[in-house]
């Protein structure tokens, strides 16, 4: 099975030398990547570096502001770099007014994105599954009021108390990309508790079960590991070693 990498995992190395970082993750065995910014590189520069290292850009995390205010430029960049999946990594969802704006932006953007041969996805954290200030479950609002695709971050769903496998089944017709991530969930009864990210196999998330489900559904699996322990490259190398170990 081929695996991708969310480049936020190696944000420390990417900020220092984007090209060297891409070379490193390609050598580890990642077949494709998902961006978390391009560090002022042009689409042509990014495409050249990807081609040089034999990897592709499967998707990008593109800010809500860019989708709302710079959609034409965003589409053009994606065409130039050869990427057909635009992912909203999050957006303001704390009130009904914010949800209304997000829904309006998504519904306005989807026809233009699809006309360009691309897809728009929304990436969840945990808060999308928890009532906002106006009592809405943001993820439910997006599911019923838009046709956006979902990039399910399986750890953040797990952290919210959901079964990620059930969530994948629920949105099977709207999911093609997932984040495979491990960690220790927060204690929601403790206001000071926070989720702790871990390399694959070192946390409490159902990594193996999620991976089997992803294989069954034919999903694109994107690894994310956020801890920079002790640096991003070391952490994502542990992740790919884990995946190679369980695939034997």
C-alpha atoms as a PDB file:
ATOM      1  CA  UNK A   1       0.000   0.000   0.000  1.00  0.00           C
ATOM      2  CA  UNK A   2       1.204   3.507  -0.782  1.00  0.00           C
ATOM      3  CA  UNK A   3       1.245   6.198   1.905  1.00  0.00           C
ATOM      4  CA  UNK A   4       1.284   9.960   1.803  1.00  0.00           C
ATOM      5  CA  UNK A   5       2.531  12.517   4.299  1.00  0.00           C
ATOM      6  CA  UNK A   6       0.940  15.731   5.518  1.00  0.00           C
ATOM      7  CA  UNK A   7       3.866  18.138   5.397  1.00  0.00           C
ATOM      8  CA  UNK A   8       2.787  19.923   8.577  1.00  0.00           C
ATOM      9  CA  UNK A   9       4.482  16.934  10.221  1.00  0.00           C
ATOM     10  CA  UNK A  10       7.862  18.221   9.006  1.00  0.00           C
ATOM     11  CA  UNK A  11       7.139  21.936   9.242  1.00  0.00           C
ATOM     12  CA  UNK A  12      10.443  22.574  11.017  1.00  0.00           C
ATOM     13  CA  UNK A  13      12.480  21.093   8.163  1.00  0.00           C
ATOM     14  CA  UNK A  14      10.202  22.568   5.499  1.00  0.00           C
ATOM     15  CA  UNK A  15      10.744  26.075   6.815  1.00  0.00           C
ATOM     16  CA  UNK A  16      14.524  25.606   6.686  1.00  0.00           C
ATOM     17  CA  UNK A  17      14.822  23.894   3.310  1.00  0.00           C
ATOM     18  CA  UNK A  18      11.647  22.857   1.510  1.00  0.00           C
ATOM     19  CA  UNK A  19      13.463  21.022  -1.282  1.00  0.00           C
ATOM     20  CA  UNK A  20      15.691  19.015   1.053  1.00  0.00           C
ATOM     21  CA  UNK A  21      12.673  18.076   3.172  1.00  0.00           C
ATOM     22  CA  UNK A  22      10.810  16.690   0.150  1.00  0.00           C
ATOM     23  CA  UNK A  23      13.866  14.672  -0.815  1.00  0.00           C
ATOM     24  CA  UNK A  24      14.093  13.214   2.698  1.00  0.00           C
ATOM     25  CA  UNK A  25      10.474  12.068   2.913  1.00  0.00           C
ATOM     26  CA  UNK A  26      10.597  10.586  -0.584  1.00  0.00           C
ATOM     27  CA  UNK A  27      13.652   8.527   0.367  1.00  0.00           C
ATOM     28  CA  UNK A  28      11.803   7.225   3.437  1.00  0.00           C
ATOM     29  CA  UNK A  29       9.149   5.675   1.214  1.00  0.00           C
ATOM     30  CA  UNK A  30       6.293   8.187   1.169  1.00  0.00           C
ATOM     31  CA  UNK A  31       4.785   8.130  -2.316  1.00  0.00           C
ATOM     32  CA  UNK A  32       2.891  11.424  -2.202  1.00  0.00           C
ATOM     33  CA  UNK A  33       2.447  14.447   0.025  1.00  0.00           C
ATOM     34  CA  UNK A  34      -0.193  16.883   1.182  1.00  0.00           C
ATOM     35  CA  UNK A  35       0.967  20.441   1.549  1.00  0.00           C
ATOM     36  CA  UNK A  36       0.656  22.775   4.508  1.00  0.00           C
ATOM     37  CA  UNK A  37       1.945  25.814   2.655  1.00  0.00           C
ATOM     38  CA  UNK A  38       4.559  26.273  -0.070  1.00  0.00           C
ATOM     39  CA  UNK A  39       7.047  28.613   1.633  1.00  0.00           C
ATOM     40  CA  UNK A  40       6.906  31.214  -1.128  1.00  0.00           C
ATOM     41  CA  UNK A  41       7.737  28.699  -3.861  1.00  0.00           C
ATOM     42  CA  UNK A  42       6.048  29.087  -7.206  1.00  0.00           C
ATOM     43  CA  UNK A  43       3.935  26.255  -8.548  1.00  0.00           C
ATOM     44  CA  UNK A  44       6.629  25.578 -11.139  1.00  0.00           C
ATOM     45  CA  UNK A  45       9.312  25.295  -8.452  1.00  0.00           C
ATOM     46  CA  UNK A  46       7.165  22.948  -6.377  1.00  0.00           C
ATOM     47  CA  UNK A  47       6.344  20.771  -9.393  1.00  0.00           C
ATOM     48  CA  UNK A  48      10.002  20.568 -10.375  1.00  0.00           C
ATOM     49  CA  UNK A  49      11.010  19.423  -6.875  1.00  0.00           C
ATOM     50  CA  UNK A  50       8.220  16.853  -6.721  1.00  0.00           C
ATOM     51  CA  UNK A  51       9.134  15.439 -10.127  1.00  0.00           C
ATOM     52  CA  UNK A  52      12.816  15.324  -9.230  1.00  0.00           C
ATOM     53  CA  UNK A  53      12.015  13.169  -6.195  1.00  0.00           C
ATOM     54  CA  UNK A  54       9.413  10.947  -7.824  1.00  0.00           C
ATOM     55  CA  UNK A  55       6.513  11.989  -5.597  1.00  0.00           C
ATOM     56  CA  UNK A  56       3.222  13.734  -6.264  1.00  0.00           C
ATOM     57  CA  UNK A  57       1.092  16.321  -4.507  1.00  0.00           C
ATOM     58  CA  UNK A  58      -2.193  14.577  -3.730  1.00  0.00           C
ATOM     59  CA  UNK A  59      -3.844  17.510  -1.955  1.00  0.00           C
ATOM     60  CA  UNK A  60      -3.255  20.855  -0.311  1.00  0.00           C
ATOM     61  CA  UNK A  61      -4.396  22.378   2.940  1.00  0.00           C
ATOM     62  CA  UNK A  62      -5.594  25.741   1.708  1.00  0.00           C
ATOM     63  CA  UNK A  63      -6.841  28.407   4.083  1.00  0.00           C
ATOM     64  CA  UNK A  64     -10.463  29.475   4.333  1.00  0.00           C
ATOM     65  CA  UNK A  65      -9.366  33.001   3.421  1.00  0.00           C
ATOM     66  CA  UNK A  66      -7.788  31.859   0.156  1.00  0.00           C
ATOM     67  CA  UNK A  67     -10.844  29.827  -0.836  1.00  0.00           C
ATOM     68  CA  UNK A  68     -13.101  32.741   0.037  1.00  0.00           C
ATOM     69  CA  UNK A  69     -11.047  35.626  -1.380  1.00  0.00           C
ATOM     70  CA  UNK A  70      -8.523  34.181  -3.857  1.00  0.00           C
ATOM     71  CA  UNK A  71     -10.271  31.210  -5.421  1.00  0.00           C
ATOM     72  CA  UNK A  72      -9.285  31.853  -9.041  1.00  0.00           C
ATOM     73  CA  UNK A  73      -5.626  32.228  -8.113  1.00  0.00           C
ATOM     74  CA  UNK A  74      -5.842  29.130  -5.926  1.00  0.00           C
ATOM     75  CA  UNK A  75      -7.299  27.051  -8.750  1.00  0.00           C
ATOM     76  CA  UNK A  76      -4.614  28.291 -11.144  1.00  0.00           C
ATOM     77  CA  UNK A  77      -1.852  27.333  -8.704  1.00  0.00           C
ATOM     78  CA  UNK A  78      -3.303  23.851  -8.316  1.00  0.00           C
ATOM     79  CA  UNK A  79      -3.484  23.401 -12.074  1.00  0.00           C
ATOM     80  CA  UNK A  80       0.144  24.439 -12.443  1.00  0.00           C
ATOM     81  CA  UNK A  81       1.399  22.122  -9.723  1.00  0.00           C
ATOM     82  CA  UNK A  82      -0.753  19.200 -10.881  1.00  0.00           C
ATOM     83  CA  UNK A  83      -2.987  18.814  -7.831  1.00  0.00           C
ATOM     84  CA  UNK A  84      -6.733  18.179  -7.967  1.00  0.00           C
ATOM     85  CA  UNK A  85      -7.716  18.165  -4.269  1.00  0.00           C
ATOM     86  CA  UNK A  86      -8.191  21.371  -2.294  1.00  0.00           C
ATOM     87  CA  UNK A  87      -8.698  20.818   1.432  1.00  0.00           C
ATOM     88  CA  UNK A  88     -10.021  23.382   3.882  1.00  0.00           C
ATOM     89  CA  UNK A  89      -8.019  22.564   7.028  1.00  0.00           C
ATOM     90  CA  UNK A  90     -10.584  24.268   9.223  1.00  0.00           C
ATOM     91  CA  UNK A  91     -12.571  27.478   9.456  1.00  0.00           C
ATOM     92  CA  UNK A  92     -14.393  29.637  12.010  1.00  0.00           C
ATOM     93  CA  UNK A  93     -17.338  27.517  13.232  1.00  0.00           C
ATOM     94  CA  UNK A  94     -18.009  28.828  16.738  1.00  0.00           C
ATOM     95  CA  UNK A  95     -21.348  30.514  16.032  1.00  0.00           C
ATOM     96  CA  UNK A  96     -24.314  30.168  13.697  1.00  0.00           C
ATOM     97  CA  UNK A  97     -23.165  33.257  11.789  1.00  0.00           C
ATOM     98  CA  UNK A  98     -19.745  31.716  11.191  1.00  0.00           C
ATOM     99  CA  UNK A  99     -21.320  28.468  10.047  1.00  0.00           C
ATOM    100  CA  UNK A 100     -23.567  30.409   7.665  1.00  0.00           C
ATOM    101  CA  UNK A 101     -20.549  32.141   6.114  1.00  0.00           C
ATOM    102  CA  UNK A 102     -18.628  28.873   5.790  1.00  0.00           C
ATOM    103  CA  UNK A 103     -21.591  27.175   4.116  1.00  0.00           C
ATOM    104  CA  UNK A 104     -22.004  30.097   1.725  1.00  0.00           C
ATOM    105  CA  UNK A 105     -18.287  30.111   0.806  1.00  0.00           C
ATOM    106  CA  UNK A 106     -18.231  26.339   0.242  1.00  0.00           C
ATOM    107  CA  UNK A 107     -21.381  26.329  -1.855  1.00  0.00           C
ATOM    108  CA  UNK A 108     -20.079  29.197  -3.977  1.00  0.00           C
ATOM    109  CA  UNK A 109     -16.657  27.584  -4.425  1.00  0.00           C
ATOM    110  CA  UNK A 110     -17.637  24.007  -5.275  1.00  0.00           C
ATOM    111  CA  UNK A 111     -19.021  24.651  -8.813  1.00  0.00           C
ATOM    112  CA  UNK A 112     -15.900  26.617  -9.789  1.00  0.00           C
ATOM    113  CA  UNK A 113     -13.552  24.027  -8.307  1.00  0.00           C
ATOM    114  CA  UNK A 114     -15.398  21.144  -9.955  1.00  0.00           C
ATOM    115  CA  UNK A 115     -15.473  22.967 -13.293  1.00  0.00           C
ATOM    116  CA  UNK A 116     -11.667  22.979 -13.101  1.00  0.00           C
ATOM    117  CA  UNK A 117     -11.650  19.197 -12.594  1.00  0.00           C
ATOM    118  CA  UNK A 118     -10.892  19.418  -8.889  1.00  0.00           C
ATOM    119  CA  UNK A 119     -12.590  18.578  -5.600  1.00  0.00           C
ATOM    120  CA  UNK A 120     -13.087  20.549  -2.396  1.00  0.00           C
ATOM    121  CA  UNK A 121     -12.710  18.750   0.937  1.00  0.00           C
ATOM    122  CA  UNK A 122     -13.107  19.800   4.574  1.00  0.00           C
ATOM    123  CA  UNK A 123     -10.696  18.508   7.223  1.00  0.00           C
ATOM    124  CA  UNK A 124     -11.996  18.062  10.756  1.00  0.00           C
ATOM    125  CA  UNK A 125     -10.483  18.592  14.142  1.00  0.00           C
ATOM    126  CA  UNK A 126     -12.452  17.570  17.243  1.00  0.00           C
ATOM    127  CA  UNK A 127     -14.461  20.763  17.598  1.00  0.00           C
ATOM    128  CA  UNK A 128     -16.546  20.041  14.494  1.00  0.00           C
ATOM    129  CA  UNK A 129     -18.252  17.218  16.402  1.00  0.00           C
ATOM    130  CA  UNK A 130     -18.967  19.255  19.537  1.00  0.00           C
ATOM    131  CA  UNK A 131     -21.843  21.772  19.906  1.00  0.00           C
ATOM    132  CA  UNK A 132     -20.788  25.345  19.204  1.00  0.00           C
ATOM    133  CA  UNK A 133     -22.034  28.429  21.056  1.00  0.00           C
ATOM    134  CA  UNK A 134     -25.381  28.228  19.252  1.00  0.00           C
ATOM    135  CA  UNK A 135     -25.856  24.508  19.816  1.00  0.00           C
ATOM    136  CA  UNK A 136     -24.937  23.387  16.318  1.00  0.00           C
ATOM    137  CA  UNK A 137     -22.788  20.368  15.513  1.00  0.00           C
ATOM    138  CA  UNK A 138     -20.626  21.979  12.807  1.00  0.00           C
ATOM    139  CA  UNK A 139     -19.831  18.761  10.963  1.00  0.00           C
ATOM    140  CA  UNK A 140     -23.543  17.921  10.726  1.00  0.00           C
ATOM    141  CA  UNK A 141     -24.234  21.395   9.361  1.00  0.00           C
ATOM    142  CA  UNK A 142     -21.665  20.930   6.606  1.00  0.00           C
ATOM    143  CA  UNK A 143     -22.958  17.450   5.823  1.00  0.00           C
ATOM    144  CA  UNK A 144     -26.550  18.584   5.377  1.00  0.00           C
ATOM    145  CA  UNK A 145     -26.104  22.072   3.934  1.00  0.00           C
ATOM    146  CA  UNK A 146     -23.228  21.512   1.490  1.00  0.00           C
ATOM    147  CA  UNK A 147     -21.882  18.839  -0.829  1.00  0.00           C
ATOM    148  CA  UNK A 148     -18.287  19.266   0.346  1.00  0.00           C
ATOM    149  CA  UNK A 149     -16.173  16.134   0.574  1.00  0.00           C
ATOM    150  CA  UNK A 150     -14.654  15.215   3.920  1.00  0.00           C
ATOM    151  CA  UNK A 151     -11.045  14.497   4.714  1.00  0.00           C
ATOM    152  CA  UNK A 152     -11.521  12.576   7.947  1.00  0.00           C
ATOM    153  CA  UNK A 153      -8.773  13.133  10.486  1.00  0.00           C
ATOM    154  CA  UNK A 154      -9.215   9.869  12.323  1.00  0.00           C
ATOM    155  CA  UNK A 155      -7.343  10.882  15.463  1.00  0.00           C
ATOM    156  CA  UNK A 156      -9.280  14.097  15.995  1.00  0.00           C
ATOM    157  CA  UNK A 157     -12.529  12.170  15.517  1.00  0.00           C
ATOM    158  CA  UNK A 158     -11.297   9.606  18.061  1.00  0.00           C
ATOM    159  CA  UNK A 159     -10.338  12.432  20.405  1.00  0.00           C
ATOM    160  CA  UNK A 160     -13.910  13.758  20.163  1.00  0.00           C
ATOM    161  CA  UNK A 161     -15.184  10.412  21.429  1.00  0.00           C
ATOM    162  CA  UNK A 162     -16.280   9.029  18.055  1.00  0.00           C
ATOM    163  CA  UNK A 163     -15.472   5.708  16.455  1.00  0.00           C
ATOM    164  CA  UNK A 164     -13.502   6.691  13.326  1.00  0.00           C
ATOM    165  CA  UNK A 165     -14.532   3.487  11.559  1.00  0.00           C
ATOM    166  CA  UNK A 166     -18.213   4.303  12.034  1.00  0.00           C
ATOM    167  CA  UNK A 167     -17.548   7.825  10.794  1.00  0.00           C
ATOM    168  CA  UNK A 168     -15.899   6.500   7.631  1.00  0.00           C
ATOM    169  CA  UNK A 169     -18.904   4.286   7.016  1.00  0.00           C
ATOM    170  CA  UNK A 170     -21.305   7.166   7.621  1.00  0.00           C
ATOM    171  CA  UNK A 171     -19.628   9.395   5.021  1.00  0.00           C
ATOM    172  CA  UNK A 172     -18.394   6.656   2.714  1.00  0.00           C
ATOM    173  CA  UNK A 173     -19.699   8.409  -0.412  1.00  0.00           C
ATOM    174  CA  UNK A 174     -17.991  11.685   0.544  1.00  0.00           C
ATOM    175  CA  UNK A 175     -14.593  10.497   1.777  1.00  0.00           C
ATOM    176  CA  UNK A 176     -11.550   9.651  -0.327  1.00  0.00           C
ATOM    177  CA  UNK A 177      -8.776  11.144   1.821  1.00  0.00           C
ATOM    178  CA  UNK A 178      -8.009  10.413   5.476  1.00  0.00           C
ATOM    179  CA  UNK A 179      -5.388  11.400   7.997  1.00  0.00           C
ATOM    180  CA  UNK A 180      -3.852   8.440   9.781  1.00  0.00           C
ATOM    181  CA  UNK A 181      -2.669   9.825  13.090  1.00  0.00           C
ATOM    182  CA  UNK A 182      -1.970   8.543  16.597  1.00  0.00           C
ATOM    183  CA  UNK A 183      -1.997  10.166  19.988  1.00  0.00           C
ATOM    184  CA  UNK A 184      -3.401  10.230  23.486  1.00  0.00           C
ATOM    185  CA  UNK A 185      -6.861  11.821  23.662  1.00  0.00           C
ATOM    186  CA  UNK A 186      -7.656  14.577  26.073  1.00  0.00           C
ATOM    187  CA  UNK A 187      -9.759  14.103  29.181  1.00  0.00           C
ATOM    188  CA  UNK A 188     -12.867  16.165  28.453  1.00  0.00           C
ATOM    189  CA  UNK A 189     -13.677  16.278  32.178  1.00  0.00           C
ATOM    190  CA  UNK A 190     -10.409  18.104  32.860  1.00  0.00           C
ATOM    191  CA  UNK A 191     -10.382  21.671  31.470  1.00  0.00           C
ATOM    192  CA  UNK A 192      -6.570  21.662  31.483  1.00  0.00           C
ATOM    193  CA  UNK A 193      -6.239  18.408  29.553  1.00  0.00           C
ATOM    194  CA  UNK A 194      -4.995  18.496  25.960  1.00  0.00           C
ATOM    195  CA  UNK A 195      -4.594  15.828  23.311  1.00  0.00           C
ATOM    196  CA  UNK A 196      -1.012  14.681  22.820  1.00  0.00           C
ATOM    197  CA  UNK A 197       0.221  13.699  19.377  1.00  0.00           C
ATOM    198  CA  UNK A 198       2.340  10.572  19.028  1.00  0.00           C
ATOM    199  CA  UNK A 199       4.090   8.684  16.256  1.00  0.00           C
ATOM    200  CA  UNK A 200       2.051   5.849  14.776  1.00  0.00           C
ATOM    201  CA  UNK A 201       1.830   2.928  17.178  1.00  0.00           C
ATOM    202  CA  UNK A 202       2.764   4.976  20.232  1.00  0.00           C
ATOM    203  CA  UNK A 203      -0.660   6.347  21.161  1.00  0.00           C
ATOM    204  CA  UNK A 204      -4.122   5.010  21.876  1.00  0.00           C
ATOM    205  CA  UNK A 205      -5.901   5.569  18.563  1.00  0.00           C
ATOM    206  CA  UNK A 206      -7.086   2.442  16.669  1.00  0.00           C
ATOM    207  CA  UNK A 207      -4.419   2.795  13.990  1.00  0.00           C
ATOM    208  CA  UNK A 208      -4.440  -0.785  12.701  1.00  0.00           C
ATOM    209  CA  UNK A 209      -8.246  -0.941  12.519  1.00  0.00           C
ATOM    210  CA  UNK A 210      -8.403   2.387  10.691  1.00  0.00           C
ATOM    211  CA  UNK A 211      -5.752   1.255   8.256  1.00  0.00           C
ATOM    212  CA  UNK A 212      -7.614  -1.961   7.512  1.00  0.00           C
ATOM    213  CA  UNK A 213     -10.796   0.030   6.970  1.00  0.00           C
ATOM    214  CA  UNK A 214      -8.988   2.409   4.634  1.00  0.00           C
ATOM    215  CA  UNK A 215      -7.685  -0.514   2.592  1.00  0.00           C
ATOM    216  CA  UNK A 216     -11.189  -2.004   2.434  1.00  0.00           C
ATOM    217  CA  UNK A 217     -12.658   1.295   1.237  1.00  0.00           C
ATOM    218  CA  UNK A 218      -9.813   2.135  -1.137  1.00  0.00           C
ATOM    219  CA  UNK A 219      -9.021   5.421   0.606  1.00  0.00           C
ATOM    220  CA  UNK A 220      -5.968   7.608   0.176  1.00  0.00           C
ATOM    221  CA  UNK A 221      -4.026   7.392   3.443  1.00  0.00           C
ATOM    222  CA  UNK A 222      -2.098  10.481   4.529  1.00  0.00           C
ATOM    223  CA  UNK A 223       0.099  10.141   7.603  1.00  0.00           C
ATOM    224  CA  UNK A 224       0.267  13.043  10.023  1.00  0.00           C
ATOM    225  CA  UNK A 225       2.350  13.215  13.178  1.00  0.00           C
ATOM    226  CA  UNK A 226       2.552  16.611  14.823  1.00  0.00           C
ATOM    227  CA  UNK A 227       4.926  16.283  17.774  1.00  0.00           C
ATOM    228  CA  UNK A 228       8.298  17.203  16.200  1.00  0.00           C
ATOM    229  CA  UNK A 229       9.872  14.603  18.517  1.00  0.00           C
ATOM    230  CA  UNK A 230      12.751  15.426  18.461  1.00  0.00           C
ATOM    231  CA  UNK A 231      12.187  16.794  14.962  1.00  0.00           C
ATOM    232  CA  UNK A 232       9.687  16.252  12.190  1.00  0.00           C
ATOM    233  CA  UNK A 233      11.903  14.094   9.996  1.00  0.00           C
ATOM    234  CA  UNK A 234      12.672  11.679  12.846  1.00  0.00           C
ATOM    235  CA  UNK A 235       9.025  11.437  13.777  1.00  0.00           C
ATOM    236  CA  UNK A 236       7.707  10.683  10.298  1.00  0.00           C
ATOM    237  CA  UNK A 237      10.491   8.168   9.764  1.00  0.00           C
ATOM    238  CA  UNK A 238       9.231   6.285  12.838  1.00  0.00           C
ATOM    239  CA  UNK A 239       5.751   6.371  11.316  1.00  0.00           C
ATOM    240  CA  UNK A 240       6.774   4.867   7.977  1.00  0.00           C
ATOM    241  CA  UNK A 241       8.838   2.212   9.762  1.00  0.00           C
ATOM    242  CA  UNK A 242       5.751   1.277  11.753  1.00  0.00           C
ATOM    243  CA  UNK A 243       3.650   1.014   8.598  1.00  0.00           C
ATOM    244  CA  UNK A 244       6.252  -1.089   6.804  1.00  0.00           C
ATOM    245  CA  UNK A 245       6.454  -3.341   9.863  1.00  0.00           C
ATOM    246  CA  UNK A 246       2.754  -4.118  10.039  1.00  0.00           C
ATOM    247  CA  UNK A 247       2.444  -4.623   6.285  1.00  0.00           C
ATOM    248  CA  UNK A 248       4.801  -7.607   6.245  1.00  0.00           C
END
